[in-house]
Amino acid sequence: METIKLRDEYIKLGQALKAAGLVGSGVDAKYVIEDGKVSVNGQTEYQRGKKLRDGDIVTFEGNTIKIEAHPDGHTTMP
């Protein structure tokens, strides 16, 4: 399971997929999301701009990403 530490209060779904290395670009993220291949908290998600917050779980092609807030709220994504 990949973990993304938030640097702000949220990260958008397309950005999270790219940050985790599961897609090569924002365009790739757009297509896999529009094709219904990505779920957030167990529900298929079709919006690339979906805001992910602390505790959200993203799944794509057998990969899982967990979104976590950094304890001090100030960190960068891996």
PDB file of N, CA and C in Angstrom:
ATOM      1  N   MET A   1       0.844  -1.178   0.000  1.00  0.00           N
ATOM      2  CA  MET A   1       0.000   0.000   0.000  1.00  0.00           C
ATOM      3  C   MET A   1       0.891   1.243   0.000  1.00  0.00           C
ATOM      4  N   GLU A   2       0.625   2.124  -0.926  1.00  0.00           N
ATOM      5  CA  GLU A   2       1.309   3.419  -1.024  1.00  0.00           C
ATOM      6  C   GLU A   2       0.611   4.400  -0.092  1.00  0.00           C
ATOM      7  N   THR A   3       1.366   5.248   0.562  1.00  0.00           N
ATOM      8  CA  THR A   3       0.788   6.286   1.411  1.00  0.00           C
ATOM      9  C   THR A   3       1.204   7.645   0.872  1.00  0.00           C
ATOM     10  N   ILE A   4       0.234   8.527   0.740  1.00  0.00           N
ATOM     11  CA  ILE A   4       0.523   9.897   0.335  1.00  0.00           C
ATOM     12  C   ILE A   4       0.213  10.789   1.524  1.00  0.00           C
ATOM     13  N   LYS A   5       1.226  11.538   1.947  1.00  0.00           N
ATOM     14  CA  LYS A   5       1.060  12.498   3.036  1.00  0.00           C
ATOM     15  C   LYS A   5       0.621  13.826   2.423  1.00  0.00           C
ATOM     16  N   LEU A   6      -0.468  14.346   2.935  1.00  0.00           N
ATOM     17  CA  LEU A   6      -0.987  15.608   2.423  1.00  0.00           C
ATOM     18  C   LEU A   6      -0.098  16.772   2.815  1.00  0.00           C
ATOM     19  N   ARG A   7       0.085  17.705   1.904  1.00  0.00           N
ATOM     20  CA  ARG A   7       0.786  18.946   2.253  1.00  0.00           C
ATOM     21  C   ARG A   7      -0.222  20.073   2.440  1.00  0.00           C
ATOM     22  N   ASP A   8      -1.436  19.858   1.925  1.00  0.00           N
ATOM     23  CA  ASP A   8      -2.541  20.797   2.103  1.00  0.00           C
ATOM     24  C   ASP A   8      -3.704  20.006   2.691  1.00  0.00           C
ATOM     25  N   GLU A   9      -4.895  20.567   2.706  1.00  0.00           N
ATOM     26  CA  GLU A   9      -6.017  19.847   3.304  1.00  0.00           C
ATOM     27  C   GLU A   9      -6.534  18.727   2.406  1.00  0.00           C
ATOM     28  N   TYR A  10      -6.199  18.763   1.097  1.00  0.00           N
ATOM     29  CA  TYR A  10      -6.625  17.706   0.185  1.00  0.00           C
ATOM     30  C   TYR A  10      -5.674  17.603  -1.000  1.00  0.00           C
ATOM     31  N   ILE A  11      -5.804  16.500  -1.748  1.00  0.00           N
ATOM     32  CA  ILE A  11      -5.127  16.311  -3.032  1.00  0.00           C
ATOM     33  C   ILE A  11      -6.193  15.803  -3.991  1.00  0.00           C
ATOM     34  N   LYS A  12      -6.122  16.216  -5.232  1.00  0.00           N
ATOM     35  CA  LYS A  12      -7.093  15.751  -6.221  1.00  0.00           C
ATOM     36  C   LYS A  12      -6.732  14.344  -6.678  1.00  0.00           C
ATOM     37  N   LEU A  13      -7.756  13.601  -7.053  1.00  0.00           N
ATOM     38  CA  LEU A  13      -7.586  12.195  -7.413  1.00  0.00           C
ATOM     39  C   LEU A  13      -6.546  11.996  -8.513  1.00  0.00           C
ATOM     40  N   GLY A  14      -6.632  12.761  -9.576  1.00  0.00           N
ATOM     41  CA  GLY A  14      -5.663  12.627 -10.676  1.00  0.00           C
ATOM     42  C   GLY A  14      -4.241  12.865 -10.206  1.00  0.00           C
ATOM     43  N   GLN A  15      -4.055  13.853  -9.339  1.00  0.00           N
ATOM     44  CA  GLN A  15      -2.733  14.155  -8.799  1.00  0.00           C
ATOM     45  C   GLN A  15      -2.218  13.018  -7.925  1.00  0.00           C
ATOM     46  N   ALA A  16      -3.119  12.405  -7.166  1.00  0.00           N
ATOM     47  CA  ALA A  16      -2.725  11.304  -6.291  1.00  0.00           C
ATOM     48  C   ALA A  16      -2.247  10.106  -7.105  1.00  0.00           C
ATOM     49  N   LEU A  17      -2.962   9.788  -8.180  1.00  0.00           N
ATOM     50  CA  LEU A  17      -2.551   8.664  -9.026  1.00  0.00           C
ATOM     51  C   LEU A  17      -1.175   8.922  -9.622  1.00  0.00           C
ATOM     52  N   LYS A  18      -0.942  10.142 -10.048  1.00  0.00           N
ATOM     53  CA  LYS A  18       0.352  10.492 -10.626  1.00  0.00           C
ATOM     54  C   LYS A  18       1.451  10.476  -9.557  1.00  0.00           C
ATOM     55  N   ALA A  19       1.167  11.049  -8.376  1.00  0.00           N
ATOM     56  CA  ALA A  19       2.157  11.087  -7.291  1.00  0.00           C
ATOM     57  C   ALA A  19       2.563   9.689  -6.844  1.00  0.00           C
ATOM     58  N   ALA A  20       1.624   8.753  -6.905  1.00  0.00           N
ATOM     59  CA  ALA A  20       1.911   7.378  -6.499  1.00  0.00           C
ATOM     60  C   ALA A  20       2.602   6.585  -7.608  1.00  0.00           C
ATOM     61  N   GLY A  21       2.749   7.188  -8.785  1.00  0.00           N
ATOM     62  CA  GLY A  21       3.423   6.512  -9.892  1.00  0.00           C
ATOM     63  C   GLY A  21       2.550   5.493 -10.601  1.00  0.00           C
ATOM     64  N   LEU A  22       1.237   5.580 -10.425  1.00  0.00           N
ATOM     65  CA  LEU A  22       0.338   4.605 -11.046  1.00  0.00           C
ATOM     66  C   LEU A  22      -0.070   5.002 -12.454  1.00  0.00           C
ATOM     67  N   VAL A  23       0.103   6.269 -12.797  1.00  0.00           N
ATOM     68  CA  VAL A  23      -0.121   6.754 -14.159  1.00  0.00           C
ATOM     69  C   VAL A  23       1.041   7.662 -14.517  1.00  0.00           C
ATOM     70  N   GLY A  24       1.268   7.823 -15.812  1.00  0.00           N
ATOM     71  CA  GLY A  24       2.405   8.621 -16.251  1.00  0.00           C
ATOM     72  C   GLY A  24       2.123  10.101 -16.355  1.00  0.00           C
ATOM     73  N   SER A  25       0.855  10.464 -16.518  1.00  0.00           N
ATOM     74  CA  SER A  25       0.518  11.870 -16.709  1.00  0.00           C
ATOM     75  C   SER A  25      -0.906  12.147 -16.267  1.00  0.00           C
ATOM     76  N   GLY A  26      -1.249  13.417 -16.221  1.00  0.00           N
ATOM     77  CA  GLY A  26      -2.611  13.806 -15.900  1.00  0.00           C
ATOM     78  C   GLY A  26      -3.604  13.307 -16.926  1.00  0.00           C
ATOM     79  N   VAL A  27      -3.178  13.245 -18.185  1.00  0.00           N
ATOM     80  CA  VAL A  27      -4.054  12.741 -19.248  1.00  0.00           C
ATOM     81  C   VAL A  27      -4.338  11.260 -19.024  1.00  0.00           C
ATOM     82  N   ASP A  28      -3.295  10.503 -18.672  1.00  0.00           N
ATOM     83  CA  ASP A  28      -3.499   9.073 -18.366  1.00  0.00           C
ATOM     84  C   ASP A  28      -4.476   8.912 -17.209  1.00  0.00           C
ATOM     85  N   ALA A  29      -4.323   9.746 -16.178  1.00  0.00           N
ATOM     86  CA  ALA A  29      -5.221   9.691 -15.021  1.00  0.00           C
ATOM     87  C   ALA A  29      -6.651   9.961 -15.461  1.00  0.00           C
ATOM     88  N   LYS A  30      -6.832  10.962 -16.303  1.00  0.00           N
ATOM     89  CA  LYS A  30      -8.168  11.312 -16.795  1.00  0.00           C
ATOM     90  C   LYS A  30      -8.840  10.106 -17.435  1.00  0.00           C
ATOM     91  N   TYR A  31      -8.119   9.399 -18.289  1.00  0.00           N
ATOM     92  CA  TYR A  31      -8.718   8.273 -19.006  1.00  0.00           C
ATOM     93  C   TYR A  31      -9.062   7.103 -18.094  1.00  0.00           C
ATOM     94  N   VAL A  32      -8.168   6.736 -17.186  1.00  0.00           N
ATOM     95  CA  VAL A  32      -8.474   5.593 -16.319  1.00  0.00           C
ATOM     96  C   VAL A  32      -9.617   5.910 -15.368  1.00  0.00           C
ATOM     97  N   ILE A  33      -9.708   7.182 -14.949  1.00  0.00           N
ATOM     98  CA  ILE A  33     -10.810   7.577 -14.070  1.00  0.00           C
ATOM     99  C   ILE A  33     -12.125   7.584 -14.847  1.00  0.00           C
ATOM    100  N   GLU A  34     -12.130   8.200 -16.028  1.00  0.00           N
ATOM    101  CA  GLU A  34     -13.346   8.243 -16.843  1.00  0.00           C
ATOM    102  C   GLU A  34     -13.823   6.846 -17.244  1.00  0.00           C
ATOM    103  N   ASP A  35     -12.888   5.908 -17.373  1.00  0.00           N
ATOM    104  CA  ASP A  35     -13.238   4.533 -17.742  1.00  0.00           C
ATOM    105  C   ASP A  35     -13.743   3.711 -16.559  1.00  0.00           C
ATOM    106  N   GLY A  36     -13.828   4.325 -15.379  1.00  0.00           N
ATOM    107  CA  GLY A  36     -14.365   3.637 -14.208  1.00  0.00           C
ATOM    108  C   GLY A  36     -13.412   2.628 -13.593  1.00  0.00           C
ATOM    109  N   LYS A  37     -12.112   2.827 -13.769  1.00  0.00           N
ATOM    110  CA  LYS A  37     -11.126   1.874 -13.263  1.00  0.00           C
ATOM    111  C   LYS A  37     -10.581   2.230 -11.880  1.00  0.00           C
ATOM    112  N   VAL A  38     -11.049   3.355 -11.324  1.00  0.00           N
ATOM    113  CA  VAL A  38     -10.527   3.847 -10.046  1.00  0.00           C
ATOM    114  C   VAL A  38     -11.668   3.925  -9.035  1.00  0.00           C
ATOM    115  N   SER A  39     -11.394   3.490  -7.814  1.00  0.00           N
ATOM    116  CA  SER A  39     -12.411   3.640  -6.772  1.00  0.00           C
ATOM    117  C   SER A  39     -11.832   4.403  -5.588  1.00  0.00           C
ATOM    118  N   VAL A  40     -12.716   5.129  -4.919  1.00  0.00           N
ATOM    119  CA  VAL A  40     -12.359   5.879  -3.718  1.00  0.00           C
ATOM    120  C   VAL A  40     -13.286   5.396  -2.615  1.00  0.00           C
ATOM    121  N   ASN A  41     -12.689   4.866  -1.563  1.00  0.00           N
ATOM    122  CA  ASN A  41     -13.444   4.336  -0.431  1.00  0.00           C
ATOM    123  C   ASN A  41     -14.493   3.309  -0.878  1.00  0.00           C
ATOM    124  N   GLY A  42     -14.096   2.471  -1.852  1.00  0.00           N
ATOM    125  CA  GLY A  42     -14.961   1.381  -2.297  1.00  0.00           C
ATOM    126  C   GLY A  42     -15.992   1.755  -3.347  1.00  0.00           C
ATOM    127  N   GLN A  43     -16.052   3.020  -3.753  1.00  0.00           N
ATOM    128  CA  GLN A  43     -17.027   3.458  -4.752  1.00  0.00           C
ATOM    129  C   GLN A  43     -16.290   3.899  -6.015  1.00  0.00           C
ATOM    130  N   THR A  44     -16.769   3.461  -7.178  1.00  0.00           N
ATOM    131  CA  THR A  44     -16.168   3.889  -8.432  1.00  0.00           C
ATOM    132  C   THR A  44     -16.276   5.405  -8.543  1.00  0.00           C
ATOM    133  N   GLU A  45     -15.168   6.022  -8.905  1.00  0.00           N
ATOM    134  CA  GLU A  45     -15.126   7.489  -9.012  1.00  0.00           C
ATOM    135  C   GLU A  45     -14.814   7.890 -10.449  1.00  0.00           C
ATOM    136  N   TYR A  46     -15.558   8.850 -10.967  1.00  0.00           N
ATOM    137  CA  TYR A  46     -15.402   9.284 -12.354  1.00  0.00           C
ATOM    138  C   TYR A  46     -14.890  10.716 -12.477  1.00  0.00           C
ATOM    139  N   GLN A  47     -14.615  11.378 -11.366  1.00  0.00           N
ATOM    140  CA  GLN A  47     -14.169  12.770 -11.406  1.00  0.00           C
ATOM    141  C   GLN A  47     -12.685  12.873 -11.062  1.00  0.00           C
ATOM    142  N   ARG A  48     -11.900  13.315 -12.019  1.00  0.00           N
ATOM    143  CA  ARG A  48     -10.460  13.454 -11.814  1.00  0.00           C
ATOM    144  C   ARG A  48     -10.163  14.468 -10.710  1.00  0.00           C
ATOM    145  N   GLY A  49     -11.040  15.463 -10.557  1.00  0.00           N
ATOM    146  CA  GLY A  49     -10.835  16.517  -9.567  1.00  0.00           C
ATOM    147  C   GLY A  49     -11.383  16.206  -8.180  1.00  0.00           C
ATOM    148  N   LYS A  50     -11.825  14.966  -7.971  1.00  0.00           N
ATOM    149  CA  LYS A  50     -12.340  14.557  -6.656  1.00  0.00           C
ATOM    150  C   LYS A  50     -11.298  14.878  -5.587  1.00  0.00           C
ATOM    151  N   LYS A  51     -11.713  15.584  -4.551  1.00  0.00           N
ATOM    152  CA  LYS A  51     -10.796  15.957  -3.475  1.00  0.00           C
ATOM    153  C   LYS A  51     -10.650  14.808  -2.489  1.00  0.00           C
ATOM    154  N   LEU A  52      -9.420  14.368  -2.304  1.00  0.00           N
ATOM    155  CA  LEU A  52      -9.121  13.297  -1.358  1.00  0.00           C
ATOM    156  C   LEU A  52      -8.583  13.922  -0.087  1.00  0.00           C
ATOM    157  N   ARG A  53      -9.087  13.424   1.031  1.00  0.00           N
ATOM    158  CA  ARG A  53      -8.691  13.961   2.333  1.00  0.00           C
ATOM    159  C   ARG A  53      -8.166  12.835   3.226  1.00  0.00           C
ATOM    160  N   ASP A  54      -7.691  13.203   4.384  1.00  0.00           N
ATOM    161  CA  ASP A  54      -7.144  12.258   5.348  1.00  0.00           C
ATOM    162  C   ASP A  54      -8.084  11.069   5.539  1.00  0.00           C
ATOM    163  N   GLY A  55      -7.539   9.863   5.380  1.00  0.00           N
ATOM    164  CA  GLY A  55      -8.309   8.650   5.605  1.00  0.00           C
ATOM    165  C   GLY A  55      -8.895   8.027   4.346  1.00  0.00           C
ATOM    166  N   ASP A  56      -8.891   8.759   3.232  1.00  0.00           N
ATOM    167  CA  ASP A  56      -9.435   8.202   1.990  1.00  0.00           C
ATOM    168  C   ASP A  56      -8.524   7.102   1.460  1.00  0.00           C
ATOM    169  N   ILE A  57      -9.151   6.102   0.834  1.00  0.00           N
ATOM    170  CA  ILE A  57      -8.434   4.976   0.246  1.00  0.00           C
ATOM    171  C   ILE A  57      -8.788   4.917  -1.234  1.00  0.00           C
ATOM    172  N   VAL A  58      -7.758   4.903  -2.077  1.00  0.00           N
ATOM    173  CA  VAL A  58      -7.930   4.837  -3.530  1.00  0.00           C
ATOM    174  C   VAL A  58      -7.425   3.488  -4.008  1.00  0.00           C
ATOM    175  N   THR A  59      -8.173   2.835  -4.894  1.00  0.00           N
ATOM    176  CA  THR A  59      -7.698   1.590  -5.493  1.00  0.00           C
ATOM    177  C   THR A  59      -7.740   1.702  -7.012  1.00  0.00           C
ATOM    178  N   PHE A  60      -6.705   1.132  -7.644  1.00  0.00           N
ATOM    179  CA  PHE A  60      -6.581   1.136  -9.101  1.00  0.00           C
ATOM    180  C   PHE A  60      -5.709  -0.041  -9.512  1.00  0.00           C
ATOM    181  N   GLU A  61      -6.270  -0.927 -10.319  1.00  0.00           N
ATOM    182  CA  GLU A  61      -5.549  -2.095 -10.854  1.00  0.00           C
ATOM    183  C   GLU A  61      -4.783  -2.861  -9.775  1.00  0.00           C
ATOM    184  N   GLY A  62      -5.437  -3.131  -8.672  1.00  0.00           N
ATOM    185  CA  GLY A  62      -4.830  -3.917  -7.607  1.00  0.00           C
ATOM    186  C   GLY A  62      -3.903  -3.136  -6.694  1.00  0.00           C
ATOM    187  N   ASN A  63      -3.722  -1.862  -6.964  1.00  0.00           N
ATOM    188  CA  ASN A  63      -2.882  -1.001  -6.130  1.00  0.00           C
ATOM    189  C   ASN A  63      -3.762  -0.180  -5.192  1.00  0.00           C
ATOM    190  N   THR A  64      -3.257   0.072  -3.998  1.00  0.00           N
ATOM    191  CA  THR A  64      -3.997   0.845  -3.011  1.00  0.00           C
ATOM    192  C   THR A  64      -3.168   2.045  -2.574  1.00  0.00           C
ATOM    193  N   ILE A  65      -3.831   3.185  -2.496  1.00  0.00           N
ATOM    194  CA  ILE A  65      -3.198   4.403  -2.006  1.00  0.00           C
ATOM    195  C   ILE A  65      -3.984   4.868  -0.790  1.00  0.00           C
ATOM    196  N   LYS A  66      -3.284   5.141   0.294  1.00  0.00           N
ATOM    197  CA  LYS A  66      -3.919   5.682   1.501  1.00  0.00           C
ATOM    198  C   LYS A  66      -3.510   7.146   1.632  1.00  0.00           C
ATOM    199  N   ILE A  67      -4.501   7.996   1.855  1.00  0.00           N
ATOM    200  CA  ILE A  67      -4.249   9.421   2.017  1.00  0.00           C
ATOM    201  C   ILE A  67      -4.175   9.724   3.507  1.00  0.00           C
ATOM    202  N   GLU A  68      -3.091  10.372   3.917  1.00  0.00           N
ATOM    203  CA  GLU A  68      -2.895  10.686   5.330  1.00  0.00           C
ATOM    204  C   GLU A  68      -2.492  12.134   5.506  1.00  0.00           C
ATOM    205  N   ALA A  69      -3.007  12.742   6.559  1.00  0.00           N
ATOM    206  CA  ALA A  69      -2.562  14.080   6.940  1.00  0.00           C
ATOM    207  C   ALA A  69      -1.265  13.929   7.728  1.00  0.00           C
ATOM    208  N   HIS A  70      -0.352  14.814   7.503  1.00  0.00           N
ATOM    209  CA  HIS A  70       0.873  14.816   8.290  1.00  0.00           C
ATOM    210  C   HIS A  70       0.534  15.406   9.660  1.00  0.00           C
ATOM    211  N   PRO A  71       1.098  14.880  10.747  1.00  0.00           N
ATOM    212  CA  PRO A  71       0.757  15.366  12.091  1.00  0.00           C
ATOM    213  C   PRO A  71       0.850  16.884  12.249  1.00  0.00           C
ATOM    214  N   ASP A  72       1.856  17.495  11.637  1.00  0.00           N
ATOM    215  CA  ASP A  72       1.966  18.961  11.764  1.00  0.00           C
ATOM    216  C   ASP A  72       1.274  19.684  10.610  1.00  0.00           C
ATOM    217  N   GLY A  73       0.760  18.900   9.647  1.00  0.00           N
ATOM    218  CA  GLY A  73       0.037  19.481   8.528  1.00  0.00           C
ATOM    219  C   GLY A  73       0.929  20.122   7.480  1.00  0.00           C
ATOM    220  N   HIS A  74       2.253  19.980   7.634  1.00  0.00           N
ATOM    221  CA  HIS A  74       3.168  20.613   6.684  1.00  0.00           C
ATOM    222  C   HIS A  74       4.193  19.605   6.201  1.00  0.00           C
ATOM    223  N   THR A  75       3.907  18.965   5.096  1.00  0.00           N
ATOM    224  CA  THR A  75       4.858  18.033   4.509  1.00  0.00           C
ATOM    225  C   THR A  75       4.644  18.002   3.007  1.00  0.00           C
ATOM    226  N   THR A  76       5.514  17.349   2.320  1.00  0.00           N
ATOM    227  CA  THR A  76       5.360  17.239   0.875  1.00  0.00           C
ATOM    228  C   THR A  76       5.046  15.808   0.525  1.00  0.00           C
ATOM    229  N   MET A  77       4.496  15.626  -0.649  1.00  0.00           N
ATOM    230  CA  MET A  77       4.177  14.282  -1.119  1.00  0.00           C
ATOM    231  C   MET A  77       5.483  13.576  -1.458  1.00  0.00           C
ATOM    232  N   PRO A  78       5.476  12.236  -1.404  1.00  0.00           N
ATOM    233  CA  PRO A  78       6.697  11.501  -1.732  1.00  0.00           C
ATOM    234  C   PRO A  78       7.102  11.718  -3.167  1.00  0.00           C
TER     235      PRO A  78
END
